[in-house]
Protein backbone atom coordinates (compact mmCIF):
# COMPACT_ATOMS: atom_id res chain seq x y z
CA MET A 1 -20.34 0.50 -27.69
CA ARG A 2 -18.15 2.91 -25.72
CA LYS A 3 -14.46 2.02 -25.53
CA LEU A 4 -12.12 2.72 -22.61
CA ILE A 5 -8.38 2.24 -22.39
CA ASN A 6 -6.34 2.03 -19.21
CA ILE A 7 -2.68 3.00 -19.67
CA TYR A 8 -0.92 0.87 -17.10
CA ASN A 9 2.77 1.30 -17.89
CA VAL A 10 4.57 3.31 -20.53
CA CYS A 11 8.15 2.59 -19.50
CA LYS A 12 10.11 -0.57 -20.08
CA THR A 13 10.50 -2.74 -16.99
CA LYS A 14 12.87 -5.50 -15.98
CA HIS A 15 12.11 -8.84 -17.62
CA LEU A 16 10.55 -11.53 -15.49
CA LYS A 17 12.68 -14.51 -14.72
CA THR A 18 12.59 -17.73 -12.79
CA SER A 19 14.83 -17.66 -9.75
CA ARG A 20 15.41 -19.62 -6.62
CA HIS A 21 17.13 -17.87 -3.72
CA PRO A 22 19.68 -19.92 -1.75
CA ASN A 23 18.06 -18.86 1.55
CA HIS A 24 14.58 -20.04 0.60
CA GLU A 25 13.79 -23.18 2.59
CA CYS A 26 11.35 -24.63 0.10
CA SER A 27 11.85 -27.23 -2.60
CA LYS A 28 10.05 -25.54 -5.50
CA ASP A 29 11.15 -22.83 -7.89
CA LEU A 30 9.12 -19.63 -7.72
CA LEU A 31 8.42 -17.17 -10.49
CA TYR A 32 9.91 -13.74 -9.88
CA ARG A 33 7.49 -10.90 -10.48
CA SER A 34 8.48 -7.28 -10.50
CA ARG A 35 6.45 -5.05 -8.20
CA LEU A 36 3.15 -4.31 -9.84
CA CYS A 37 1.02 -1.22 -9.77
CA TRP A 38 -2.42 -2.62 -8.94
CA ARG A 39 -4.45 0.13 -10.54
CA SER A 40 -5.19 -1.98 -13.58
CA TYR A 41 -8.51 -3.04 -12.10
CA MET A 42 -9.57 0.34 -10.75
CA GLN A 43 -11.75 1.20 -13.67
CA CYS A 44 -15.37 0.30 -14.49
CA PRO A 45 -16.36 -3.17 -13.17
CA ARG A 46 -16.43 -4.95 -16.51
CA LEU A 47 -18.82 -7.53 -15.14
CA GLN A 48 -21.45 -4.82 -14.62
CA CYS A 49 -20.90 -3.01 -17.95
CA PRO A 50 -21.08 -5.53 -20.82
CA HIS A 51 -21.71 -2.68 -23.28
CA ILE A 52 -18.34 -1.08 -22.46
CA THR A 53 -15.08 -2.45 -23.86
CA VAL A 54 -12.04 -1.96 -21.63
CA THR A 55 -8.45 -2.49 -22.79
CA VAL A 56 -5.51 -2.46 -20.35
CA VAL A 57 -2.23 -1.65 -22.09
CA ASP A 58 1.35 -2.06 -20.92
CA LEU A 59 4.72 -2.09 -22.68
CA SER A 60 5.80 -5.24 -20.83
CA GLN A 61 4.86 -8.36 -22.81
CA GLU A 62 5.62 -10.55 -19.78
CA ARG A 63 3.23 -8.58 -17.62
CA ILE A 64 0.45 -8.69 -20.20
CA ASP A 65 1.02 -12.43 -20.60
CA GLN A 66 0.46 -12.84 -16.87
CA TRP A 67 -2.81 -10.90 -17.03
CA ASN A 68 -3.89 -13.20 -19.86
CA SER A 69 -2.91 -16.34 -17.95
CA ASN A 70 -4.57 -18.36 -15.19
CA SER A 71 -2.14 -16.90 -12.64
CA LEU A 72 -2.69 -13.16 -12.28
CA PRO A 73 0.35 -11.08 -11.30
CA ILE A 74 -1.29 -9.69 -8.15
CA PHE A 75 -3.36 -11.14 -5.34
CA GLU A 76 -6.65 -9.48 -4.44
CA PRO A 77 -9.70 -11.36 -3.08
CA GLY A 78 -12.35 -11.75 -5.77
CA LEU A 79 -10.23 -10.36 -8.61
CA ASP A 80 -9.46 -13.71 -10.27
CA GLU A 81 -13.13 -14.57 -10.62
CA ILE A 82 -14.12 -11.27 -12.21
CA VAL A 83 -11.21 -11.20 -14.65
CA LYS A 84 -11.78 -14.77 -15.81
CA ILE A 85 -15.49 -14.14 -16.46
CA VAL A 86 -15.02 -11.07 -18.67
CA ARG A 87 -11.53 -11.47 -20.12
CA ASN A 88 -11.55 -11.55 -23.92
CA LYS A 89 -15.23 -10.58 -23.92
CA ASN A 90 -15.18 -6.91 -22.99
CA LEU A 91 -11.90 -6.87 -21.04
CA PHE A 92 -8.64 -7.14 -22.96
CA PHE A 93 -4.95 -6.93 -22.03
CA SER A 94 -2.55 -5.79 -24.74
CA THR A 95 0.84 -4.27 -25.51
CA ASP A 96 -0.57 -2.42 -28.55
CA ILE A 97 -0.79 0.98 -26.88
CA ASP A 98 -1.19 2.92 -30.12
CA LYS A 99 -4.22 0.90 -31.18
CA GLY A 100 -5.77 1.30 -27.76
CA ILE A 101 -5.37 5.08 -27.85
CA LEU A 102 -6.75 5.37 -31.38
CA GLU A 103 -9.90 3.35 -30.59
CA ALA A 104 -10.68 4.69 -27.10
CA ASP A 105 -13.30 7.27 -26.17
CA LEU A 106 -11.95 7.64 -22.64
CA ILE A 107 -8.31 7.12 -21.69
CA PHE A 108 -7.46 6.38 -18.06
CA ILE A 109 -3.88 7.14 -17.00
CA SER A 110 -3.10 4.65 -14.22
CA VAL A 111 0.68 4.75 -14.08
CA ASN A 112 2.84 4.76 -10.97
CA THR A 113 3.62 8.07 -9.24
CA PRO A 114 6.34 7.21 -6.71
CA THR A 115 7.99 9.66 -4.35
CA LYS A 116 11.02 11.29 -5.99
CA SER A 117 14.32 9.75 -4.96
CA TYR A 118 16.46 12.46 -6.51
CA GLY A 119 16.65 16.20 -7.21
CA LEU A 120 14.23 18.92 -6.16
CA GLY A 121 11.63 17.58 -3.74
CA LYS A 122 13.59 14.37 -3.10
CA GLY A 123 11.84 12.20 -0.50
CA ARG A 124 8.58 14.20 -0.58
CA ALA A 125 7.41 15.28 -4.04
CA ALA A 126 5.67 12.90 -6.44
CA ASP A 127 7.66 11.82 -9.48
CA LEU A 128 5.44 12.58 -12.47
CA LYS A 129 7.71 11.32 -15.24
CA TYR A 130 5.37 8.41 -16.05
CA ILE A 131 2.37 10.75 -16.15
CA GLU A 132 4.24 13.02 -18.57
CA SER A 133 5.28 10.07 -20.73
CA ALA A 134 1.69 8.88 -20.96
CA ALA A 135 0.42 12.36 -21.86
CA ARG A 136 3.02 12.75 -24.60
CA MET A 137 2.20 9.32 -26.00
CA ILE A 138 -1.50 10.20 -26.18
CA ALA A 139 -0.74 13.50 -27.91
CA ASN A 140 1.54 11.78 -30.40
CA VAL A 141 -0.92 9.00 -31.31
CA ALA A 142 -4.44 10.44 -31.04
CA THR A 143 -6.13 11.54 -34.25
CA ASN A 144 -9.51 12.52 -32.81
CA SER A 145 -10.79 14.16 -29.62
CA LYS A 146 -10.31 12.29 -26.33
CA ILE A 147 -11.34 12.49 -22.70
CA VAL A 148 -8.24 11.78 -20.61
CA VAL A 149 -8.89 10.64 -17.03
CA GLU A 150 -6.21 11.11 -14.41
CA LYS A 151 -6.57 8.00 -12.22
CA SER A 152 -3.13 7.89 -10.61
CA THR A 153 -2.66 9.63 -7.27
CA VAL A 154 -1.10 12.96 -8.20
CA PRO A 155 -0.34 16.34 -6.62
CA VAL A 156 -2.73 19.24 -7.05
CA LYS A 157 -2.44 20.86 -10.50
CA ALA A 158 -1.18 17.65 -12.19
CA ALA A 159 -4.22 17.68 -14.47
CA GLU A 160 -3.20 21.16 -15.57
CA SER A 161 0.24 19.82 -16.52
CA ILE A 162 -1.35 17.01 -18.54
CA SER A 163 -3.62 19.53 -20.29
CA ASN A 164 -0.68 21.77 -21.13
CA ILE A 165 1.23 18.88 -22.71
CA LEU A 166 -1.77 17.66 -24.71
CA ARG A 167 -2.79 21.09 -25.96
CA ALA A 168 0.75 22.12 -26.83
CA ASN A 169 0.98 19.07 -29.11
CA GLN A 170 -2.56 18.67 -30.36
CA LYS A 171 -3.28 18.06 -34.01
CA ALA A 172 -5.84 19.86 -36.13
CA GLY A 173 -9.37 18.78 -35.23
CA VAL A 174 -8.27 17.09 -32.00
CA LYS A 175 -9.48 18.38 -28.63
CA TYR A 176 -8.82 17.12 -25.14
CA GLN A 177 -10.62 17.28 -21.83
CA VAL A 178 -8.69 16.16 -18.75
CA LEU A 179 -10.62 14.86 -15.75
CA SER A 180 -9.52 13.94 -12.23
CA ASN A 181 -11.05 10.68 -10.96
CA PRO A 182 -9.03 9.55 -7.92
CA GLU A 183 -9.46 6.02 -6.57
CA PHE A 184 -10.23 5.25 -2.94
CA LEU A 185 -9.79 1.48 -2.92
CA ALA A 186 -8.12 -0.33 -0.05
CA GLU A 187 -5.91 -3.31 -0.86
CA GLY A 188 -7.46 -6.49 0.45
CA THR A 189 -10.99 -5.14 -0.07
CA ALA A 190 -10.46 -3.44 -3.44
CA VAL A 191 -13.05 -5.43 -5.40
CA LYS A 192 -15.71 -4.82 -2.75
CA ASP A 193 -14.75 -1.13 -2.59
CA LEU A 194 -14.99 -0.90 -6.36
CA LEU A 195 -18.40 -2.50 -6.60
CA ARG A 196 -19.84 -0.58 -3.62
CA PRO A 197 -17.86 2.66 -3.27
CA ASP A 198 -18.59 5.21 -0.55
CA ARG A 199 -18.26 7.88 -3.22
CA VAL A 200 -16.83 8.53 -6.67
CA LEU A 201 -15.15 11.88 -7.30
CA ILE A 202 -14.98 13.39 -10.77
CA GLY A 203 -13.29 16.73 -11.25
CA GLY A 204 -13.01 18.74 -14.45
CA GLU A 205 -13.00 22.17 -15.97
CA GLN A 206 -16.08 24.23 -15.14
CA THR A 207 -16.75 25.03 -18.79
CA GLN A 208 -19.36 23.71 -21.19
CA ASP A 209 -16.91 21.20 -22.70
CA GLY A 210 -15.56 20.32 -19.26
CA ARG A 211 -19.02 19.64 -17.82
CA ALA A 212 -19.89 17.52 -20.87
CA ALA A 213 -16.75 15.41 -20.31
CA ILE A 214 -17.62 15.02 -16.62
CA GLN A 215 -21.10 13.84 -17.55
CA THR A 216 -19.66 11.26 -19.94
CA LEU A 217 -17.71 9.67 -17.10
CA VAL A 218 -20.69 9.99 -14.74
CA GLU A 219 -22.72 7.89 -17.19
CA VAL A 220 -20.12 5.13 -16.96
CA TYR A 221 -20.27 5.00 -13.17
CA LYS A 222 -24.08 5.17 -13.13
CA ASN A 223 -24.09 1.58 -14.38
CA TRP A 224 -23.46 0.42 -10.79
CA VAL A 225 -22.99 3.43 -8.49
CA PRO A 226 -26.03 5.29 -7.08
CA GLN A 227 -26.34 8.81 -8.46
CA GLU A 228 -25.99 10.39 -5.00
CA ASN A 229 -22.61 8.71 -4.53
CA VAL A 230 -21.11 10.29 -7.66
CA ILE A 231 -19.75 13.72 -6.72
CA THR A 232 -18.65 16.22 -9.35
CA MET A 233 -16.41 19.21 -8.62
CA ASN A 234 -13.59 21.26 -10.07
CA THR A 235 -10.32 19.54 -10.91
CA TRP A 236 -8.26 20.96 -8.07
CA SER A 237 -10.79 20.00 -5.40
CA SER A 238 -10.82 16.43 -6.72
CA GLU A 239 -7.04 16.13 -6.69
CA LEU A 240 -6.70 17.62 -3.20
CA SER A 241 -9.52 15.45 -1.82
CA LYS A 242 -7.50 12.32 -2.56
CA LEU A 243 -4.43 13.58 -0.70
CA ALA A 244 -6.55 14.88 2.16
CA ALA A 245 -8.43 11.58 2.57
CA ASN A 246 -5.24 9.53 2.87
CA ALA A 247 -3.64 12.13 5.14
CA PHE A 248 -6.64 12.03 7.49
CA LEU A 249 -6.60 8.22 7.61
CA ALA A 250 -2.84 8.13 8.27
CA GLN A 251 -3.32 10.78 10.94
CA ARG A 252 -5.84 8.60 12.80
CA ILE A 253 -3.44 5.65 12.80
CA SER A 254 -0.58 7.79 14.08
CA SER A 255 -2.89 9.29 16.70
CA ILE A 256 -3.90 5.93 18.19
CA ASN A 257 -0.30 4.71 17.95
CA ALA A 258 0.78 7.77 19.92
CA MET A 259 -1.78 6.84 22.54
CA SER A 260 -0.43 3.27 22.58
CA ALA A 261 2.90 4.57 23.88
CA VAL A 262 1.09 6.42 26.67
CA CYS A 263 -0.91 3.29 27.48
CA GLU A 264 2.22 1.19 27.82
CA ALA A 265 3.76 3.74 30.17
CA THR A 266 0.69 4.05 32.39
CA GLY A 267 -0.87 0.60 32.37
CA ALA A 268 -3.87 1.57 30.27
CA ASP A 269 -5.09 -0.72 27.47
CA VAL A 270 -5.08 0.94 24.05
CA SER A 271 -7.87 -1.34 22.78
CA GLU A 272 -10.12 -0.18 25.62
CA VAL A 273 -9.18 3.44 25.02
CA ALA A 274 -9.85 3.07 21.27
CA HIS A 275 -13.25 1.52 22.00
CA ALA A 276 -14.19 4.39 24.30
CA ILE A 277 -13.07 6.99 21.76
CA GLY A 278 -14.81 5.21 18.88
CA MET A 279 -18.15 5.21 20.69
CA ASP A 280 -18.19 8.99 20.28
CA SER A 281 -20.32 9.56 17.17
CA ARG A 282 -18.23 12.63 16.31
CA ILE A 283 -15.12 10.45 16.01
CA GLY A 284 -16.25 6.95 15.02
CA ASN A 285 -14.32 3.70 15.35
CA LYS A 286 -12.63 3.35 11.97
CA PHE A 287 -8.81 3.32 11.78
CA LEU A 288 -8.37 3.25 15.56
CA LYS A 289 -6.50 -0.09 15.72
CA ALA A 290 -3.05 0.39 17.23
CA SER A 291 -0.26 -1.47 15.48
CA VAL A 292 3.41 -1.49 14.62
CA GLY A 293 2.67 1.23 12.03
CA PHE A 294 1.00 1.85 8.69
CA GLY A 295 2.47 0.90 5.33
CA GLY A 296 1.40 0.53 1.72
CA SER A 297 1.92 2.56 -1.40
CA CYS A 298 -0.40 5.45 -0.56
CA PHE A 299 -0.36 6.78 2.98
CA GLN A 300 3.28 7.78 3.35
CA LYS A 301 3.61 8.90 -0.27
CA ASP A 302 0.49 11.05 -0.16
CA VAL A 303 1.24 12.63 3.21
CA LEU A 304 4.76 13.51 2.04
CA ASN A 305 3.26 14.89 -1.15
CA LEU A 306 0.97 17.08 0.95
CA VAL A 307 3.94 18.20 3.06
CA TYR A 308 5.82 19.24 -0.06
CA LEU A 309 2.77 21.04 -1.45
CA CYS A 310 2.43 23.05 1.78
CA GLU A 311 6.11 23.95 1.71
CA CYS A 312 5.80 25.14 -1.89
CA LEU A 313 2.75 27.22 -0.91
CA ASN A 314 4.78 28.84 1.93
CA LEU A 315 2.72 27.15 4.64
CA PRO A 316 5.53 25.81 6.88
CA GLU A 317 3.32 25.33 9.96
CA VAL A 318 0.89 23.18 7.98
CA ALA A 319 3.78 21.22 6.45
CA THR A 320 5.23 20.56 9.91
CA TYR A 321 1.86 19.35 11.18
CA TRP A 322 1.50 16.71 8.48
CA GLN A 323 5.18 15.73 8.64
CA GLN A 324 4.61 14.74 12.25
CA VAL A 325 2.18 12.02 11.08
CA ILE A 326 5.09 10.38 9.25
CA ASN A 327 7.52 11.00 12.11
CA LEU A 328 5.18 9.26 14.57
CA ASN A 329 4.86 6.25 12.25
CA ASP A 330 8.64 5.97 12.05
CA PHE A 331 8.83 6.28 15.84
CA GLN A 332 6.30 3.46 16.32
CA ARG A 333 8.24 1.04 14.12
CA ARG A 334 11.55 1.90 15.76
CA ARG A 335 10.02 1.68 19.23
CA PHE A 336 8.65 -1.81 18.63
CA ALA A 337 11.98 -3.04 17.29
CA ASN A 338 13.71 -1.62 20.36
CA ARG A 339 11.24 -3.51 22.55
CA VAL A 340 12.27 -6.77 20.88
CA ILE A 341 15.94 -6.03 21.49
CA GLU A 342 15.42 -4.97 25.12
CA CYS A 343 13.34 -8.04 25.98
CA LEU A 344 15.93 -10.35 24.46
CA PHE A 345 18.42 -9.21 27.12
CA ASN A 346 19.54 -6.17 25.11
CA THR A 347 21.17 -8.19 22.37
CA VAL A 348 19.88 -10.10 19.33
CA THR A 349 23.27 -10.76 17.75
CA ASN A 350 23.30 -14.24 16.18
CA LYS A 351 19.82 -14.97 17.58
CA LYS A 352 17.11 -16.33 15.31
CA ILE A 353 13.97 -14.20 15.13
CA ALA A 354 10.89 -15.31 13.19
CA ILE A 355 8.82 -12.64 11.46
CA PHE A 356 5.26 -13.65 10.60
CA GLY A 357 3.94 -11.53 7.73
CA PHE A 358 5.78 -9.39 5.20
CA SER A 359 2.94 -7.69 3.31
CA PHE A 360 1.87 -4.33 4.69
CA LYS A 361 -1.61 -5.70 5.55
CA LYS A 362 -3.57 -8.92 5.23
CA ASP A 363 -5.21 -10.13 2.00
CA THR A 364 -2.63 -8.56 -0.29
CA GLY A 365 0.82 -9.40 -1.58
CA ASP A 366 1.87 -5.74 -1.61
CA THR A 367 4.95 -5.11 0.53
CA ARG A 368 5.54 -1.41 -0.09
CA GLU A 369 6.53 0.40 3.11
CA SER A 370 5.49 -2.62 5.19
CA ALA A 371 6.32 -2.68 8.89
CA ALA A 372 8.15 -5.99 8.37
CA ILE A 373 10.71 -4.31 6.11
CA TYR A 374 11.72 -1.93 8.86
CA MET A 375 11.59 -4.54 11.60
CA THR A 376 13.95 -6.67 9.53
CA LYS A 377 16.20 -3.69 8.85
CA TYR A 378 16.54 -2.73 12.51
CA LEU A 379 17.11 -6.29 13.67
CA MET A 380 19.65 -6.99 10.91
CA GLU A 381 21.57 -3.93 12.04
CA GLU A 382 21.87 -5.66 15.43
CA GLY A 383 23.16 -8.87 13.82
CA ALA A 384 20.00 -10.98 14.21
CA HIS A 385 19.23 -13.90 11.89
CA ILE A 386 15.77 -13.25 10.47
CA ARG A 387 13.45 -16.04 9.34
CA ILE A 388 10.44 -14.73 7.40
CA TYR A 389 7.13 -16.38 6.59
CA ASP A 390 4.28 -14.80 4.61
CA PRO A 391 1.44 -16.77 2.97
CA LYS A 392 1.33 -14.64 -0.20
CA VAL A 393 4.51 -12.63 -0.70
CA GLU A 394 7.04 -14.26 -3.01
CA ILE A 395 10.65 -14.80 -2.05
CA GLU A 396 12.19 -12.50 -4.64
CA GLN A 397 9.87 -9.68 -3.69
CA ILE A 398 11.06 -9.97 -0.09
CA PHE A 399 14.72 -9.87 -1.08
CA SER A 400 14.07 -7.04 -3.51
CA GLU A 401 12.68 -4.93 -0.67
CA LEU A 402 15.50 -5.78 1.71
CA ASN A 403 18.22 -5.15 -0.89
CA ASN A 404 16.94 -1.62 -1.46
CA PRO A 405 19.89 0.68 -0.59
CA ALA A 406 17.61 2.64 1.76
CA ILE A 407 17.14 -0.55 3.82
CA CYS A 408 20.50 -2.28 3.52
CA ASP A 409 23.49 -1.35 1.36
CA SER A 410 25.00 -4.84 1.57
CA PRO A 411 23.23 -7.61 -0.38
CA GLU A 412 25.74 -10.03 1.09
CA GLN A 413 24.57 -9.17 4.60
CA VAL A 414 20.95 -9.78 3.57
CA ARG A 415 21.86 -13.18 2.13
CA GLN A 416 23.68 -14.13 5.31
CA LEU A 417 21.07 -12.95 7.79
CA VAL A 418 17.68 -13.50 6.10
CA THR A 419 15.95 -16.78 5.33
CA VAL A 420 12.49 -17.08 3.79
CA CYS A 421 10.56 -20.12 5.04
CA CYS A 422 7.68 -22.11 3.56
CA ASN A 423 5.68 -22.38 6.77
CA PRO A 424 5.53 -20.68 10.18
CA TYR A 425 6.72 -23.73 12.10
CA MET A 426 9.93 -23.85 10.10
CA ALA A 427 10.42 -20.11 10.63
CA ALA A 428 10.02 -20.42 14.41
CA GLU A 429 12.20 -23.54 14.81
CA GLY A 430 15.12 -22.62 17.08
CA ALA A 431 14.06 -18.96 17.25
CA SER A 432 14.27 -16.81 20.35
CA ALA A 433 11.23 -14.77 19.35
CA VAL A 434 8.28 -14.59 16.99
CA VAL A 435 7.23 -11.14 15.78
CA ILE A 436 3.76 -10.63 14.24
CA CYS A 437 4.01 -7.90 11.60
CA THR A 438 0.90 -8.56 9.47
CA GLU A 439 -2.64 -9.36 10.64
CA TRP A 440 -3.19 -12.42 8.41
CA ASP A 441 -6.24 -14.35 9.66
CA GLU A 442 -4.39 -17.66 9.56
CA PHE A 443 -1.90 -16.45 12.17
CA VAL A 444 -4.66 -16.66 14.79
CA ASN A 445 -5.22 -20.38 14.16
CA TYR A 446 -1.68 -21.75 14.34
CA ASP A 447 -0.70 -24.45 16.82
CA TYR A 448 1.29 -22.22 19.14
CA LYS A 449 2.01 -25.14 21.47
CA GLN A 450 3.98 -26.74 18.65
CA ILE A 451 5.65 -23.43 17.82
CA TYR A 452 6.62 -22.98 21.49
CA LYS A 453 8.14 -26.47 21.70
CA GLY A 454 10.49 -25.73 18.82
CA MET A 455 11.75 -22.38 20.14
CA LEU A 456 14.59 -21.51 22.48
CA LYS A 457 13.52 -20.77 26.03
CA PRO A 458 12.48 -18.34 27.28
CA ALA A 459 10.33 -18.02 24.14
CA PHE A 460 9.15 -14.51 23.31
CA LEU A 461 6.18 -13.53 21.15
CA PHE A 462 5.67 -9.92 20.03
CA ASP A 463 2.18 -9.20 18.73
CA GLY A 464 2.51 -6.09 16.60
CA ARG A 465 -1.09 -6.31 15.35
CA LEU A 466 -3.11 -7.14 18.48
CA ILE A 467 -4.65 -10.24 16.89
CA LEU A 468 -3.73 -13.09 19.26
CA ASP A 469 -5.15 -14.44 22.52
CA HIS A 470 -2.40 -13.26 24.82
CA GLN A 471 -3.53 -15.09 27.94
CA SER A 472 -3.58 -18.42 26.08
CA LEU A 473 -0.05 -17.76 24.87
CA ILE A 474 1.08 -16.93 28.39
CA ASP A 475 -0.50 -20.15 29.64
CA ILE A 476 1.52 -22.08 27.03
CA GLY A 477 4.70 -20.51 28.38
CA PHE A 478 5.38 -17.59 26.04
CA HIS A 479 6.66 -14.27 27.29
CA VAL A 480 4.22 -12.01 25.40
CA GLU A 481 4.72 -8.37 24.47
CA THR A 482 2.24 -6.35 22.46
CA ILE A 483 1.27 -2.83 21.37
CA GLY A 484 -0.43 -0.45 23.77
CA LYS A 485 -0.77 -2.77 26.74
CA ARG A 486 1.46 -4.14 29.46
CA LEU A 487 0.45 -7.66 30.33
CA SER A 488 1.97 -7.25 33.79
CA ARG A 489 1.57 -3.70 35.09
CA PRO A 490 4.65 -2.16 36.73
CA ASN A 491 4.47 0.54 39.35
CA VAL A 492 4.32 3.98 37.82
CA ILE A 493 6.68 6.52 39.38
CA ARG A 494 6.12 10.12 38.37
CA GLN A 495 9.25 12.19 37.83
CA GLY A 496 7.98 14.92 40.14
CA ALA A 497 7.69 12.45 42.98
CA LEU A 498 11.43 11.74 42.86
CA THR A 499 12.27 15.24 43.99
CA ASN A 500 9.89 15.29 47.00
């Protein structure tokens, strides 16, 4: 039986604790969970490979206890069912990292690679300290040859750095092969993406030993992935393909969001424009949904990583091109917040504003770089009282994001201005506006007549995800604003006409 180990975390993390925030309008205590890297389930689907033993290791006992409990530390549709079927059969969670390394044939490094917040490359380069720590731990513990698989999203040449560390510290009779095997899962559909991937990339050295290591990993994936969907290549192509894929997806979102601004200025409808564009077989219709902006752990981080790589390679024009994808996303979030302020008579000071959705997309509890964080930030800066509801995100995670110094440098201001509510009706009670920041399916089915009755009049609703029936809301009495469409078209006056 082949044995795999997934190194999940090699640095000590803050202990979990039970906490109840004073601004949480709910009667029950909630368990605080530190932000979790969700790559722990990105390896072989254990359900499909009963002959393969997989061990996930982490230094945090609290985190491992959660993975071994009936309440998993992350939300992902379908994940609970799979874990509960195979846990303690051929899937194990443990803090015994040394034992896992010693017994494994393949070692997956799945640690976090955040954007650096200090020093050279601050704000753009990937911080590889966790990757280095994992590599050094493997070199220190291993007593026989290993295949090390780089699963974390990393800059080009990271595998070379791992190889250099391993080979500089290798013991007699121990050899290493380092492979690149980037993941392409989307949160909210990760289990489906894992079971039926568009493709699997495996990069390695183009030597006899390197090709043998690649084939070993290919044999794992062949248990459920068609042969034609497993693509092998050199290491650097594999690493760059991951960055390029996320950059292209982020670019499409920024492109349609740029068009949404033009649509609002001219009276066009961005949904109609997106449909027309998507009918072109050369373009396709994926990732052409205008919104308040993209978020998540990957898009911004990977595009900035690509920007930094281009700068280091003395390609300033290419770096500027990709930086504009990020700039446009920032512009879209700021623009939507400004629309809220302008519609509310150019002031939101002391007004209650309900924000529906805090995760960066539906069907996940991940809040990293979510649009709601920035909407809250901008509105807090104007003195608004924010009331937040999200069906999955926990209260302490919300306050952790908002207390980040990059968002607000005054925890006291956050405590005074932000309230987390248990249901949407409570959040909207007495509010001047409701702002949709996440496309949760349940938001479509709320009783908006009841919500309208409890709000101050005129009652505003800002649909940042284009998910609601705007005409029905207008019929109820709402003043509705959305992305990429003016619900009442003003006259368009061209600047040139003013001088004639």
